[in-house]
Amino acid sequence: MRIFTVFLYPFRLKFRPFYGCKTSDIFYDKDKPCNHCCHIQPTSKNEMVKQWQCVIRDIIYEVFQQPFQDSDGTQLFLMQMNDITKRELALEEIRRLDRLNLVGELAASIAHEVRNPMTTVRGFLQILKSRDILHENEEYFDLMISELDRANSILTEFLSIAKTKTKLDTGVKLNNLVNSLYPLILADATNQDKQVVLETEEVTELTMNEREIRQLILNLTRNGLESMIPKGILKIMTYMDTNSIILAVQDQGAGISEDIIARLGTPFLTTKEGGTGLGLAMCYSIAERHNGKIDIESSSSGTTFFVTFKLH
């Protein structure tokens, strides 16, 4: 942790060295005053230490301010700034995971209860649809059944977020999996008048749940395609980085604002019309179960999702 200490005089900011000491002695590698340093006393027991946080050049500081009197009676303040950026980022990640776990617990508790009556209603609708006297209302039955199926698919995604463990008993070559999905992704892109570019480097085999990684790739690529206008290019990349395997999905969409990026992965947070926000939440959950993480880089020219899988 980086710590900076300055003395703040009324109406001006000044670095004040202790008497008989060099500035380098005070600010570098010293944890206590030297023998020649002046003794500084608090002005009053009633003047409490003030504490707040501030951000300077993307670094988060925790600031402590204590009023003192110098040896000549001059009023000054001792101010200490602690770099707490890593701590705050860790706390934010913990808060995000807590929200995800809460949603998982809710999903596990309500999804089955909701599914049971839905299944019953769907069954009776199919029975009624098959009766001759109701054929004139067949389109309404089809609509009701399709809406029930959509609700059921949302519950299925919801339940997949609730998983906390998965079987990682399959050795998967990520390139083989991406190559097998490429025709499906390409067909989807062609229907939308968009292009897909595949750039794969040699990567090692990693123990994964193939079905879940397949779902993660499809979710990320479909999100990328939906974010672009026609003629846009989606790029899928795989490569090695130190002790990690990287899967990157890059689109040419309009980009994502920083405040949205900070909350991505939260269920029901979506920028798509008619979207549920569960697909990306599922991706975060899958990555976490595979000892991985998702990072995002975005600008007005597009967004790249980096999925990093650590090698064991």
Protein backbone atom coordinates (compact mmCIF):
# COMPACT_ATOMS: atom_id res chain seq x y z
CA MET A 1 0.00 0.00 0.00
CA ARG A 2 1.39 3.41 -0.98
CA ILE A 3 1.18 6.05 1.74
CA PHE A 4 1.74 9.78 1.21
CA THR A 5 2.03 12.27 4.07
CA VAL A 6 1.88 16.06 3.74
CA PHE A 7 1.43 19.01 6.10
CA LEU A 8 -1.42 21.31 5.19
CA TYR A 9 -1.13 24.94 6.39
CA PRO A 10 -4.16 27.19 6.42
CA PHE A 11 -4.87 28.38 2.82
CA ARG A 12 -1.83 26.65 1.31
CA LEU A 13 -0.42 23.15 0.76
CA LYS A 14 3.23 22.63 1.61
CA PHE A 15 5.62 19.74 2.18
CA ARG A 16 7.30 20.62 5.49
CA PRO A 17 10.46 18.64 6.42
CA PHE A 18 11.19 18.04 10.08
CA TYR A 19 14.01 20.15 11.50
CA GLY A 20 17.42 18.61 10.98
CA CYS A 21 16.17 16.03 8.46
CA LYS A 22 16.38 15.73 4.73
CA THR A 23 13.10 15.49 2.83
CA SER A 24 14.21 12.12 1.43
CA ASP A 25 14.67 10.86 5.02
CA ILE A 26 11.06 11.74 5.87
CA PHE A 27 9.22 10.52 2.79
CA TYR A 28 11.23 7.46 1.83
CA ASP A 29 11.77 4.30 3.92
CA LYS A 30 11.10 5.88 7.33
CA ASP A 31 8.47 4.62 9.73
CA LYS A 32 9.38 6.86 12.72
CA PRO A 33 10.93 10.33 13.32
CA CYS A 34 14.66 10.76 13.69
CA ASN A 35 16.32 12.11 16.86
CA HIS A 36 16.40 15.68 15.52
CA CYS A 37 12.75 15.84 14.43
CA CYS A 38 10.45 18.30 16.15
CA HIS A 39 7.69 17.07 18.42
CA ILE A 40 4.24 17.95 17.06
CA GLN A 41 1.26 17.91 19.42
CA PRO A 42 -2.46 17.83 18.66
CA THR A 43 -4.16 21.19 19.19
CA SER A 44 -7.09 19.74 21.10
CA LYS A 45 -8.58 16.40 22.04
CA ASN A 46 -11.90 17.66 20.69
CA GLU A 47 -10.54 18.08 17.17
CA MET A 48 -11.08 14.63 15.73
CA VAL A 49 -9.36 13.04 12.77
CA LYS A 50 -11.30 13.58 9.53
CA GLN A 51 -11.50 10.80 6.98
CA TRP A 52 -12.74 10.67 3.37
CA GLN A 53 -11.99 9.13 -0.01
CA CYS A 54 -10.96 10.78 -3.25
CA VAL A 55 -9.95 9.69 -6.76
CA ILE A 56 -6.86 11.12 -8.46
CA ARG A 57 -5.91 9.85 -11.92
CA ASP A 58 -7.96 6.65 -11.50
CA ILE A 59 -6.30 5.88 -8.14
CA ILE A 60 -8.57 5.69 -5.09
CA TYR A 61 -7.13 7.23 -1.93
CA GLU A 62 -8.31 7.10 1.65
CA VAL A 63 -7.41 10.42 3.27
CA PHE A 64 -6.88 11.07 7.00
CA GLN A 65 -6.52 14.62 8.32
CA GLN A 66 -5.39 15.46 11.88
CA PRO A 67 -4.99 19.06 13.18
CA PHE A 68 -1.63 19.83 14.86
CA GLN A 69 0.40 22.73 16.16
CA ASP A 70 3.98 23.11 15.02
CA SER A 71 6.77 23.70 17.58
CA ASP A 72 6.49 27.47 16.92
CA GLY A 73 2.72 27.44 17.51
CA THR A 74 1.73 27.54 13.83
CA GLN A 75 -1.52 25.72 13.04
CA LEU A 76 -1.07 22.91 10.55
CA PHE A 77 -2.70 19.65 9.57
CA LEU A 78 -1.13 16.24 9.13
CA MET A 79 -2.67 14.57 6.10
CA GLN A 80 -2.09 10.95 5.11
CA MET A 81 -3.23 9.44 1.80
CA ASN A 82 -3.42 5.65 1.48
CA ASP A 83 -3.75 4.01 -1.93
CA ILE A 84 -6.75 1.66 -1.49
CA THR A 85 -7.49 1.00 -5.19
CA LYS A 86 -6.91 -2.75 -5.00
CA ARG A 87 -8.97 -3.03 -1.84
CA GLU A 88 -11.93 -1.17 -3.36
CA LEU A 89 -11.79 -3.26 -6.55
CA ALA A 90 -11.76 -6.44 -4.46
CA LEU A 91 -14.74 -5.21 -2.42
CA GLU A 92 -16.66 -4.38 -5.59
CA GLU A 93 -15.99 -7.87 -6.95
CA ILE A 94 -17.20 -9.39 -3.68
CA ARG A 95 -20.38 -7.28 -3.87
CA ARG A 96 -20.96 -8.41 -7.44
CA LEU A 97 -20.55 -12.07 -6.50
CA ASP A 98 -22.86 -11.61 -3.52
CA ARG A 99 -25.55 -10.23 -5.83
CA LEU A 100 -25.05 -13.17 -8.18
CA ASN A 101 -25.27 -15.66 -5.32
CA LEU A 102 -28.46 -14.02 -4.07
CA VAL A 103 -30.04 -14.35 -7.48
CA GLY A 104 -28.93 -17.97 -7.57
CA GLU A 105 -30.59 -18.70 -4.26
CA LEU A 106 -33.80 -17.03 -5.42
CA ALA A 107 -33.71 -18.99 -8.67
CA ALA A 108 -33.31 -22.31 -6.90
CA SER A 109 -36.19 -21.57 -4.52
CA ILE A 110 -38.82 -20.33 -6.99
CA ALA A 111 -38.06 -21.81 -10.41
CA HIS A 112 -39.35 -25.32 -9.70
CA GLU A 113 -42.48 -23.99 -8.01
CA VAL A 114 -43.27 -21.80 -11.04
CA ARG A 115 -42.51 -24.54 -13.55
CA ASN A 116 -45.00 -27.05 -12.14
CA PRO A 117 -48.19 -25.02 -12.80
CA MET A 118 -46.77 -23.87 -16.15
CA THR A 119 -46.37 -27.48 -17.23
CA THR A 120 -49.95 -28.24 -16.21
CA VAL A 121 -51.35 -25.23 -18.07
CA ARG A 122 -49.36 -26.10 -21.20
CA GLY A 123 -50.67 -29.66 -21.15
CA PHE A 124 -54.31 -28.59 -20.91
CA LEU A 125 -53.84 -26.03 -23.68
CA GLN A 126 -52.55 -28.77 -25.98
CA ILE A 127 -55.56 -30.94 -25.12
CA LEU A 128 -58.02 -28.11 -25.82
CA LYS A 129 -56.26 -27.24 -29.07
CA SER A 130 -56.75 -30.78 -30.34
CA ARG A 131 -60.55 -30.63 -29.97
CA ASP A 132 -62.44 -29.90 -33.20
CA ILE A 133 -64.82 -27.34 -31.68
CA LEU A 134 -61.98 -25.01 -30.79
CA HIS A 135 -60.09 -24.94 -34.10
CA GLU A 136 -61.25 -21.40 -34.82
CA ASN A 137 -59.12 -20.26 -31.83
CA GLU A 138 -56.07 -22.30 -32.76
CA GLU A 139 -53.84 -19.23 -33.26
CA TYR A 140 -54.54 -18.10 -29.70
CA PHE A 141 -53.57 -21.49 -28.32
CA ASP A 142 -50.33 -21.41 -30.33
CA LEU A 143 -49.54 -17.95 -28.93
CA MET A 144 -50.20 -19.03 -25.34
CA ILE A 145 -48.09 -22.17 -25.71
CA SER A 146 -45.18 -20.22 -27.28
CA GLU A 147 -45.28 -17.70 -24.41
CA LEU A 148 -45.21 -20.51 -21.86
CA ASP A 149 -42.22 -22.02 -23.67
CA ARG A 150 -40.45 -18.65 -23.56
CA ALA A 151 -41.10 -18.33 -19.83
CA ASN A 152 -39.77 -21.85 -19.36
CA SER A 153 -36.58 -21.04 -21.27
CA ILE A 154 -36.01 -17.97 -19.05
CA LEU A 155 -36.40 -20.16 -15.97
CA THR A 156 -33.89 -22.62 -17.42
CA GLU A 157 -31.34 -19.83 -17.82
CA PHE A 158 -32.20 -18.58 -14.35
CA LEU A 159 -31.49 -22.01 -12.87
CA SER A 160 -28.17 -22.29 -14.70
CA ILE A 161 -26.99 -19.14 -12.86
CA ALA A 162 -27.87 -20.81 -9.56
CA LYS A 163 -25.33 -23.58 -10.08
CA THR A 164 -22.33 -23.30 -7.82
CA LYS A 165 -20.52 -26.45 -8.91
CA THR A 166 -20.06 -28.23 -12.19
CA LYS A 167 -18.27 -31.36 -13.29
CA LEU A 168 -14.97 -30.45 -14.91
CA ASP A 169 -14.10 -33.93 -16.06
CA THR A 170 -13.60 -33.40 -19.80
CA GLY A 171 -10.35 -32.41 -21.46
CA VAL A 172 -11.39 -29.81 -24.05
CA LYS A 173 -9.35 -28.25 -26.81
CA LEU A 174 -10.84 -24.77 -26.96
CA ASN A 175 -9.92 -24.40 -30.65
CA ASN A 176 -11.77 -27.61 -31.54
CA LEU A 177 -14.86 -26.35 -29.73
CA VAL A 178 -14.72 -22.94 -31.43
CA ASN A 179 -14.21 -24.56 -34.85
CA SER A 180 -17.19 -26.88 -34.33
CA LEU A 181 -19.42 -23.89 -33.46
CA TYR A 182 -18.12 -21.70 -36.30
CA PRO A 183 -20.61 -22.91 -38.98
CA LEU A 184 -23.53 -22.23 -36.62
CA ILE A 185 -22.23 -18.74 -35.76
CA LEU A 186 -21.48 -18.02 -39.43
CA ALA A 187 -25.00 -19.02 -40.47
CA ASP A 188 -26.45 -16.74 -37.82
CA ALA A 189 -24.23 -13.86 -39.01
CA THR A 190 -25.06 -14.43 -42.68
CA ASN A 191 -28.78 -14.20 -41.93
CA GLN A 192 -28.11 -10.78 -40.37
CA ASP A 193 -25.84 -9.63 -43.26
CA LYS A 194 -22.77 -9.66 -41.00
CA GLN A 195 -19.38 -11.37 -41.09
CA VAL A 196 -17.41 -13.60 -38.74
CA VAL A 197 -13.60 -13.83 -38.64
CA LEU A 198 -11.88 -16.66 -36.76
CA GLU A 199 -8.29 -16.21 -35.50
CA THR A 200 -7.03 -19.14 -33.44
CA GLU A 201 -3.54 -19.82 -32.13
CA GLU A 202 -2.35 -23.11 -30.70
CA VAL A 203 -3.62 -23.50 -27.14
CA THR A 204 -3.21 -26.31 -24.66
CA GLU A 205 -5.99 -28.66 -23.60
CA LEU A 206 -7.90 -27.67 -20.48
CA THR A 207 -10.34 -29.57 -18.27
CA MET A 208 -13.75 -28.00 -18.85
CA ASN A 209 -17.44 -28.72 -19.00
CA GLU A 210 -17.90 -28.75 -22.77
CA ARG A 211 -21.64 -28.03 -22.71
CA GLU A 212 -21.18 -24.94 -20.51
CA ILE A 213 -18.26 -23.53 -22.53
CA ARG A 214 -20.29 -24.06 -25.70
CA GLN A 215 -23.10 -22.03 -24.14
CA LEU A 216 -20.67 -19.29 -23.08
CA ILE A 217 -19.25 -18.96 -26.62
CA LEU A 218 -22.71 -18.86 -28.22
CA ASN A 219 -23.97 -16.24 -25.76
CA LEU A 220 -20.98 -13.94 -26.30
CA THR A 221 -21.04 -14.26 -30.11
CA ARG A 222 -24.79 -13.72 -30.37
CA ASN A 223 -24.55 -10.65 -28.13
CA GLY A 224 -21.79 -9.35 -30.38
CA LEU A 225 -23.78 -9.94 -33.56
CA GLU A 226 -26.88 -8.28 -32.14
CA SER A 227 -24.88 -5.19 -31.14
CA MET A 228 -23.76 -4.48 -34.74
CA ILE A 229 -25.44 -2.99 -37.78
CA PRO A 230 -25.35 -4.90 -41.13
CA LYS A 231 -21.89 -5.36 -42.71
CA GLY A 232 -20.31 -5.42 -39.24
CA ILE A 233 -17.50 -7.88 -38.51
CA LEU A 234 -17.35 -10.15 -35.47
CA LYS A 235 -13.92 -11.52 -34.57
CA ILE A 236 -13.37 -14.64 -32.44
CA MET A 237 -9.82 -15.20 -31.13
CA THR A 238 -8.02 -17.76 -28.98
CA TYR A 239 -4.44 -17.49 -27.74
CA MET A 240 -2.11 -18.23 -24.81
CA ASP A 241 -0.95 -15.62 -22.29
CA THR A 242 1.53 -16.69 -19.58
CA ASN A 243 -0.34 -19.40 -17.63
CA SER A 244 -3.74 -18.68 -19.16
CA ILE A 245 -5.87 -19.43 -22.19
CA ILE A 246 -7.73 -16.43 -23.61
CA LEU A 247 -10.97 -16.49 -25.56
CA ALA A 248 -11.75 -13.06 -27.05
CA VAL A 249 -14.93 -11.99 -28.85
CA GLN A 250 -14.70 -8.60 -30.55
CA ASP A 251 -17.59 -6.76 -32.20
CA GLN A 252 -17.93 -3.47 -34.10
CA GLY A 253 -20.94 -2.19 -32.22
CA ALA A 254 -21.51 1.23 -30.70
CA GLY A 255 -19.73 0.31 -27.44
CA ILE A 256 -20.91 0.11 -23.84
CA SER A 257 -20.84 3.00 -21.37
CA GLU A 258 -18.58 2.71 -18.31
CA ASP A 259 -21.46 2.74 -15.84
CA ILE A 260 -23.09 -0.20 -17.64
CA ILE A 261 -19.78 -2.12 -17.85
CA ALA A 262 -19.40 -1.83 -14.07
CA ARG A 263 -22.74 -3.63 -13.62
CA LEU A 264 -22.52 -6.19 -16.43
CA GLY A 265 -23.23 -9.72 -15.29
CA THR A 266 -26.09 -8.61 -13.07
CA PRO A 267 -29.23 -10.60 -14.00
CA PHE A 268 -31.93 -8.60 -15.82
CA LEU A 269 -29.48 -5.81 -16.70
CA THR A 270 -29.69 -5.54 -20.49
CA THR A 271 -29.28 -2.96 -23.24
CA LYS A 272 -31.21 -5.06 -25.80
CA GLU A 273 -34.86 -4.54 -26.52
CA GLY A 274 -36.70 -7.63 -25.29
CA GLY A 275 -33.56 -9.01 -23.61
CA THR A 276 -33.49 -10.50 -20.12
CA GLY A 277 -29.86 -9.91 -19.17
CA LEU A 278 -29.57 -13.55 -18.09
CA GLY A 279 -27.29 -14.66 -20.93
CA LEU A 280 -24.31 -12.58 -19.83
CA ALA A 281 -24.98 -13.35 -16.17
CA MET A 282 -24.76 -17.02 -17.14
CA CYS A 283 -21.41 -16.37 -18.87
CA TYR A 284 -19.98 -14.82 -15.69
CA SER A 285 -21.25 -17.77 -13.67
CA ILE A 286 -19.74 -20.32 -16.08
CA ALA A 287 -16.39 -18.50 -16.14
CA GLU A 288 -16.28 -18.41 -12.34
CA ARG A 289 -16.98 -22.16 -12.10
CA HIS A 290 -14.06 -22.77 -14.48
CA ASN A 291 -11.63 -20.67 -12.39
CA GLY A 292 -11.81 -17.95 -15.01
CA LYS A 293 -12.81 -14.31 -15.31
CA ILE A 294 -14.30 -11.97 -17.89
CA ASP A 295 -12.76 -8.59 -18.72
CA ILE A 296 -14.25 -6.00 -21.07
CA GLU A 297 -12.74 -3.29 -23.25
CA SER A 298 -15.17 -0.97 -24.99
CA SER A 299 -15.13 2.18 -27.10
CA SER A 300 -17.28 3.83 -29.73
CA SER A 301 -15.73 1.52 -32.35
CA GLY A 302 -16.69 -1.72 -30.60
CA THR A 303 -16.43 -4.00 -27.59
CA THR A 304 -14.16 -6.94 -26.79
CA PHE A 305 -14.96 -9.58 -24.17
CA PHE A 306 -11.86 -11.40 -22.87
CA VAL A 307 -12.51 -14.72 -21.08
CA THR A 308 -9.36 -15.83 -19.23
CA PHE A 309 -9.03 -19.44 -18.13
CA LYS A 310 -6.20 -20.15 -15.68
CA LEU A 311 -4.15 -23.28 -16.31
CA HIS A 312 -3.98 -25.58 -13.29
